[in-house]
């Protein structure tokens, strides 16, 4: 895949090539970072699709930056089928080839559904995906273990369109891309049957301390299963794609849980779209914290040859 992809700074792009913009609401500083860049560069955005996790949150910031754009709200709840149905209802608004998706605040399940929809039902030759790296994650109390993205009960869910092919037996291999919340990985290992477990951390991380924080928060899982810890970069989805290609023989029954950074989850999504036997699972909750990061380090654009994957 190395001959097909590019990673660029959002500050270096030609914003005039876009007329449709997809993003999600949120309370993080990075929520509108890509929108600000597009506005500063004079992008002529006609259509904005706004995924709304906070139904009462106004979109005044977007309206001010893009006064002539049509803003289409898409309400997100715990039902992936409901989200897909809304995408289908606005299919004509998503038909443009000049489309950019900001995944910074889009939750992982919706990102998987959205990208598969854009590849299969509303195909694009190429898709540009923006991601703003946070300057820091929000640890409201103890600086290593207090990060929390959700509250309430967890349910391990097959992501819609990524159920793989199952014979009812245990998966021959389970791969978990670890995040800060050890409870998420523990939940997956409790709910999914497998024979061999591979645990993957980030190296390099956004910052060196995050690799260690991930180990601390997943210590029980790491010490119990004695799995060799493997690594992929935190900010390069294409390296994640290549990693999966190196460990998947195309025959074994593989299940993957993308609990790590959004670029890593993007790499898992791209690989799964071209390998239909993969099963992708994710622990979901009915309620999520809207504020999880502070400030913005940088914003990258990943150019995806969607139909070549």
Protein backbone atom coordinates (compact mmCIF):
# COMPACT_ATOMS: atom_id res chain seq x y z
CA UNK A 1 0.00 0.00 0.00
CA UNK A 2 3.01 2.28 0.35
CA UNK A 3 2.85 3.34 -3.32
CA UNK A 4 -0.71 4.60 -3.07
CA UNK A 5 -1.05 6.76 -0.01
CA UNK A 6 0.05 10.23 1.02
CA UNK A 7 0.11 12.04 4.34
CA UNK A 8 0.11 15.83 4.20
CA UNK A 9 -0.17 18.67 6.64
CA UNK A 10 -3.59 20.30 6.41
CA UNK A 11 -1.82 23.65 6.26
CA UNK A 12 -0.27 22.66 2.89
CA UNK A 13 -3.39 21.49 1.04
CA UNK A 14 -5.34 23.25 -1.69
CA UNK A 15 -8.68 23.74 0.06
CA UNK A 16 -10.36 24.79 -3.19
CA UNK A 17 -10.67 21.13 -4.21
CA UNK A 18 -13.40 20.48 -1.62
CA UNK A 19 -17.10 21.32 -1.72
CA UNK A 20 -18.46 18.77 0.81
CA UNK A 21 -17.29 18.47 4.40
CA UNK A 22 -18.19 15.75 6.94
CA UNK A 23 -17.38 16.14 10.63
CA UNK A 24 -18.79 15.52 14.10
CA UNK A 25 -19.69 17.86 16.92
CA UNK A 26 -17.96 17.80 20.29
CA UNK A 27 -16.49 19.91 23.07
CA UNK A 28 -12.81 19.34 22.30
CA UNK A 29 -10.63 22.15 21.00
CA UNK A 30 -10.00 20.11 17.85
CA UNK A 31 -13.70 19.80 16.96
CA UNK A 32 -13.58 22.73 14.52
CA UNK A 33 -9.85 22.75 13.80
CA UNK A 34 -10.16 21.42 10.24
CA UNK A 35 -13.13 23.72 9.61
CA UNK A 36 -10.99 26.68 10.66
CA UNK A 37 -8.24 25.63 8.26
CA UNK A 38 -10.70 25.28 5.37
CA UNK A 39 -12.21 28.66 6.20
CA UNK A 40 -8.82 30.35 6.43
CA UNK A 41 -7.86 28.95 3.03
CA UNK A 42 -11.10 30.15 1.44
CA UNK A 43 -12.66 26.77 0.68
CA UNK A 44 -15.96 26.97 -1.19
CA UNK A 45 -17.91 24.47 0.91
CA UNK A 46 -21.45 23.88 -0.36
CA UNK A 47 -22.53 21.03 1.93
CA UNK A 48 -21.62 20.23 5.53
CA UNK A 49 -22.76 16.94 7.05
CA UNK A 50 -22.57 17.28 10.83
CA UNK A 51 -22.73 14.11 12.92
CA UNK A 52 -24.45 15.11 16.13
CA UNK A 53 -23.61 13.26 19.33
CA UNK A 54 -24.85 16.25 21.34
CA UNK A 55 -28.32 17.01 20.03
CA UNK A 56 -28.53 20.34 21.86
CA UNK A 57 -25.15 21.64 20.73
CA UNK A 58 -25.54 24.54 18.25
CA UNK A 59 -23.61 24.73 14.99
CA UNK A 60 -23.17 28.50 15.10
CA UNK A 61 -19.42 28.23 14.58
CA UNK A 62 -19.86 26.38 11.29
CA UNK A 63 -22.62 28.72 10.16
CA UNK A 64 -20.37 31.72 10.73
CA UNK A 65 -17.40 30.20 8.88
CA UNK A 66 -19.47 28.88 5.95
CA UNK A 67 -22.56 31.12 5.69
CA UNK A 68 -23.54 29.84 2.23
CA UNK A 69 -23.19 26.14 3.04
CA UNK A 70 -26.11 23.84 3.72
CA UNK A 71 -25.59 22.20 7.11
CA UNK A 72 -27.21 18.76 7.34
CA UNK A 73 -27.46 17.32 10.86
CA UNK A 74 -27.18 13.54 11.26
CA UNK A 75 -28.28 12.36 14.68
CA UNK A 76 -26.14 9.55 16.12
CA UNK A 77 -27.39 7.07 18.70
CA UNK A 78 -26.33 3.57 19.73
CA UNK A 79 -27.91 1.96 16.64
CA UNK A 80 -25.50 1.64 13.73
CA UNK A 81 -28.39 0.74 11.43
CA UNK A 82 -30.08 4.05 12.25
CA UNK A 83 -26.90 5.92 11.34
CA UNK A 84 -26.58 4.04 8.05
CA UNK A 85 -30.22 4.74 7.19
CA UNK A 86 -29.59 8.48 7.59
CA UNK A 87 -26.57 8.30 5.28
CA UNK A 88 -28.71 6.56 2.67
CA UNK A 89 -31.37 9.27 3.03
CA UNK A 90 -28.84 11.98 2.12
CA UNK A 91 -26.99 9.95 -0.51
CA UNK A 92 -27.33 12.71 -3.11
CA UNK A 93 -25.58 15.15 -0.76
CA UNK A 94 -22.65 12.73 -0.42
CA UNK A 95 -22.18 12.02 -4.12
CA UNK A 96 -19.49 14.66 -4.68
CA UNK A 97 -15.93 13.53 -5.45
CA UNK A 98 -14.70 16.73 -3.77
CA UNK A 99 -15.33 15.43 -0.29
CA UNK A 100 -13.27 15.58 2.89
CA UNK A 101 -14.04 13.75 6.15
CA UNK A 102 -12.72 14.95 9.50
CA UNK A 103 -12.60 11.87 11.74
CA UNK A 104 -11.18 13.71 14.77
CA UNK A 105 -14.44 13.57 16.76
CA UNK A 106 -16.30 10.85 14.85
CA UNK A 107 -16.53 7.77 17.06
CA UNK A 108 -14.88 4.62 15.75
CA UNK A 109 -18.11 2.65 15.00
CA UNK A 110 -19.55 5.51 12.92
CA UNK A 111 -16.24 5.98 11.12
CA UNK A 112 -16.27 2.34 10.00
CA UNK A 113 -19.89 2.52 8.79
CA UNK A 114 -19.35 5.86 7.02
CA UNK A 115 -16.22 4.78 5.15
CA UNK A 116 -17.69 1.47 4.04
CA UNK A 117 -20.79 3.32 2.82
CA UNK A 118 -18.59 5.73 0.81
CA UNK A 119 -16.69 2.83 -0.70
CA UNK A 120 -19.59 0.54 -1.60
CA UNK A 121 -22.91 2.39 -1.84
CA UNK A 122 -21.67 5.89 -2.71
CA UNK A 123 -18.27 5.11 -4.25
CA UNK A 124 -15.39 7.54 -4.46
CA UNK A 125 -12.15 7.04 -6.37
CA UNK A 126 -10.25 8.97 -3.73
CA UNK A 127 -11.11 10.24 -0.29
CA UNK A 128 -9.26 12.76 1.85
CA UNK A 129 -9.50 12.17 5.58
CA UNK A 130 -8.47 14.79 8.15
CA UNK A 131 -7.35 14.07 11.69
CA UNK A 132 -6.30 16.60 14.33
CA UNK A 133 -3.83 15.17 16.84
CA UNK A 134 -4.58 16.38 20.36
CA UNK A 135 -1.89 18.21 22.28
CA UNK A 136 -2.95 16.27 25.34
CA UNK A 137 -5.64 13.84 26.43
CA UNK A 138 -7.87 14.85 29.32
CA UNK A 139 -6.96 13.12 32.59
CA UNK A 140 -9.38 14.83 34.99
CA UNK A 141 -7.87 13.32 38.16
CA UNK A 142 -4.93 10.91 38.43
CA UNK A 143 -2.58 11.76 35.51
CA UNK A 144 -2.18 8.20 34.21
CA UNK A 145 -5.36 6.25 34.93
CA UNK A 146 -8.25 8.74 34.99
CA UNK A 147 -8.88 9.04 31.23
CA UNK A 148 -12.43 7.90 30.41
CA UNK A 149 -14.24 8.14 27.09
CA UNK A 150 -17.58 6.68 28.21
CA UNK A 151 -19.84 6.07 31.17
CA UNK A 152 -22.40 3.35 31.73
CA UNK A 153 -22.42 -0.27 30.67
CA UNK A 154 -20.30 -1.67 27.84
CA UNK A 155 -21.43 -4.05 25.12
CA UNK A 156 -19.02 -5.75 22.71
CA UNK A 157 -20.53 -5.18 19.28
CA UNK A 158 -19.79 -6.35 15.75
CA UNK A 159 -19.33 -3.24 13.63
CA UNK A 160 -21.97 -3.05 10.91
CA UNK A 161 -20.67 -4.48 7.65
CA UNK A 162 -17.58 -5.95 9.33
CA UNK A 163 -18.94 -9.17 10.82
CA UNK A 164 -16.50 -11.38 8.94
CA UNK A 165 -17.23 -15.02 8.21
CA UNK A 166 -17.78 -17.21 11.24
CA UNK A 167 -18.09 -20.98 11.58
CA UNK A 168 -19.21 -20.68 15.19
CA UNK A 169 -15.82 -21.76 16.52
CA UNK A 170 -13.26 -19.71 18.42
CA UNK A 171 -11.21 -17.32 16.29
CA UNK A 172 -7.73 -18.61 15.59
CA UNK A 173 -6.32 -15.18 16.40
CA UNK A 174 -7.55 -12.10 18.25
CA UNK A 175 -5.73 -8.78 17.74
CA UNK A 176 -6.37 -5.90 20.14
CA UNK A 177 -4.94 -2.45 19.39
CA UNK A 178 -4.69 -1.12 22.93
CA UNK A 179 -5.89 2.25 24.16
CA UNK A 180 -5.75 4.07 27.49
CA UNK A 181 -8.79 2.29 28.94
CA UNK A 182 -7.83 -1.19 30.05
CA UNK A 183 -11.45 -2.04 30.77
CA UNK A 184 -12.22 -1.89 27.04
CA UNK A 185 -9.64 -4.52 26.16
CA UNK A 186 -10.67 -6.67 29.11
CA UNK A 187 -14.29 -6.52 28.00
CA UNK A 188 -13.36 -7.72 24.50
CA UNK A 189 -11.29 -10.64 25.79
CA UNK A 190 -14.17 -11.70 28.04
CA UNK A 191 -16.75 -11.65 25.25
CA UNK A 192 -14.83 -13.03 22.25
CA UNK A 193 -13.58 -16.60 21.94
CA UNK A 194 -10.09 -16.97 20.49
CA UNK A 195 -7.07 -19.26 20.51
CA UNK A 196 -4.19 -16.80 20.25
CA UNK A 197 -4.08 -13.20 21.47
CA UNK A 198 -1.92 -10.43 19.97
CA UNK A 199 -1.71 -7.10 21.81
CA UNK A 200 -0.53 -4.00 19.95
CA UNK A 201 0.69 -0.73 21.47
CA UNK A 202 1.75 2.51 19.75
CA UNK A 203 5.39 3.20 18.91
CA UNK A 204 6.04 5.94 18.23
CA UNK A 205 3.18 7.42 20.23
CA UNK A 206 1.94 10.98 19.86
CA UNK A 207 4.16 11.59 22.92
CA UNK A 208 6.50 8.99 24.52
CA UNK A 209 4.58 8.94 27.81
CA UNK A 210 1.42 7.65 26.09
CA UNK A 211 3.04 4.31 25.28
CA UNK A 212 3.77 3.84 28.99
CA UNK A 213 0.33 5.03 30.09
CA UNK A 214 -1.19 2.42 27.77
CA UNK A 215 0.95 -0.31 29.39
CA UNK A 216 -0.03 0.84 32.89
CA UNK A 217 -3.74 0.81 32.13
CA UNK A 218 -3.61 -2.58 30.40
CA UNK A 219 -1.19 -4.16 32.89
CA UNK A 220 -3.63 -6.80 34.14
CA UNK A 221 -4.32 -8.01 30.61
CA UNK A 222 -0.66 -7.95 29.63
CA UNK A 223 0.49 -9.82 32.74
CA UNK A 224 -2.32 -12.39 32.65
CA UNK A 225 -2.06 -13.40 29.02
CA UNK A 226 1.73 -13.05 28.69
CA UNK A 227 1.22 -11.97 25.10
CA UNK A 228 4.17 -10.50 23.26
CA UNK A 229 3.57 -6.79 22.84
CA UNK A 230 3.72 -5.61 19.23
CA UNK A 231 3.77 -2.04 17.91
CA UNK A 232 2.39 0.26 15.22
CA UNK A 233 2.77 4.07 14.92
CA UNK A 234 0.00 6.09 16.55
CA UNK A 235 -0.50 8.45 13.62
CA UNK A 236 -0.05 6.33 10.47
CA UNK A 237 -3.04 4.25 9.33
CA UNK A 238 -1.07 2.83 6.42
CA UNK A 239 1.50 1.25 8.73
CA UNK A 240 -1.40 -0.38 10.59
CA UNK A 241 -2.66 -1.66 7.23
CA UNK A 242 0.76 -3.14 6.51
CA UNK A 243 1.01 -4.63 10.00
CA UNK A 244 -2.28 -6.49 9.55
CA UNK A 245 -1.13 -7.66 6.14
CA UNK A 246 1.99 -9.14 7.76
CA UNK A 247 0.11 -11.12 10.44
CA UNK A 248 -2.93 -12.27 8.43
CA UNK A 249 -2.46 -15.26 6.15
CA UNK A 250 -5.87 -14.93 4.52
CA UNK A 251 -6.97 -18.31 5.85
CA UNK A 252 -7.11 -18.02 9.64
CA UNK A 253 -10.19 -16.74 11.43
CA UNK A 254 -9.16 -13.27 12.58
CA UNK A 255 -10.97 -10.89 14.93
CA UNK A 256 -9.71 -7.34 15.52
CA UNK A 257 -10.60 -4.74 18.16
CA UNK A 258 -9.38 -1.21 17.18
CA UNK A 259 -9.27 0.44 20.63
CA UNK A 260 -6.24 2.63 19.92
CA UNK A 261 -5.93 6.04 18.24
CA UNK A 262 -8.24 7.10 15.43
CA UNK A 263 -5.50 6.83 12.74
CA UNK A 264 -4.82 3.25 13.89
CA UNK A 265 -8.55 2.49 13.75
CA UNK A 266 -8.61 4.01 10.26
CA UNK A 267 -5.88 1.60 9.18
CA UNK A 268 -7.88 -1.33 10.56
CA UNK A 269 -10.95 -0.08 8.69
CA UNK A 270 -9.11 0.20 5.38
CA UNK A 271 -7.68 -3.29 5.74
CA UNK A 272 -11.02 -4.81 6.75
CA UNK A 273 -12.74 -3.28 3.72
CA UNK A 274 -10.42 -5.26 1.47
CA UNK A 275 -10.49 -8.45 3.56
CA UNK A 276 -14.10 -9.41 4.12
CA UNK A 277 -13.30 -12.42 6.32
CA UNK A 278 -12.07 -10.15 9.13
CA UNK A 279 -14.41 -9.62 12.05
CA UNK A 280 -14.19 -6.19 13.70
CA UNK A 281 -15.58 -5.74 17.22
CA UNK A 282 -15.78 -2.73 19.49
CA UNK A 283 -17.05 -2.18 23.06
CA UNK A 284 -19.83 0.41 22.86
CA UNK A 285 -21.77 2.36 25.45
CA UNK A 286 -24.96 4.39 25.37
CA UNK A 287 -23.19 7.45 26.78
CA UNK A 288 -19.86 9.09 25.99
CA UNK A 289 -17.86 11.97 27.40
CA UNK A 290 -17.90 14.84 24.93
CA UNK A 291 -14.67 16.41 26.15
CA UNK A 292 -11.66 14.06 25.96
CA UNK A 293 -8.71 16.12 24.71
CA UNK A 294 -7.18 19.59 25.05
CA UNK A 295 -5.66 21.83 22.36
CA UNK A 296 -4.35 20.70 18.97
CA UNK A 297 -0.85 19.56 18.08
CA UNK A 298 -1.30 19.32 14.29
CA UNK A 299 -3.76 18.28 11.60
CA UNK A 300 -2.93 15.73 8.92
CA UNK A 301 -4.68 14.79 5.70
CA UNK A 302 -4.64 11.12 4.69
CA UNK A 303 -5.37 10.68 1.00
CA UNK A 304 -7.03 7.30 0.49
CA UNK A 305 -7.32 5.58 -2.91
CA UNK A 306 -10.67 4.20 -1.78
CA UNK A 307 -11.48 2.07 -4.81
CA UNK A 308 -7.96 0.59 -4.97
CA UNK A 309 -8.14 -0.88 -1.50
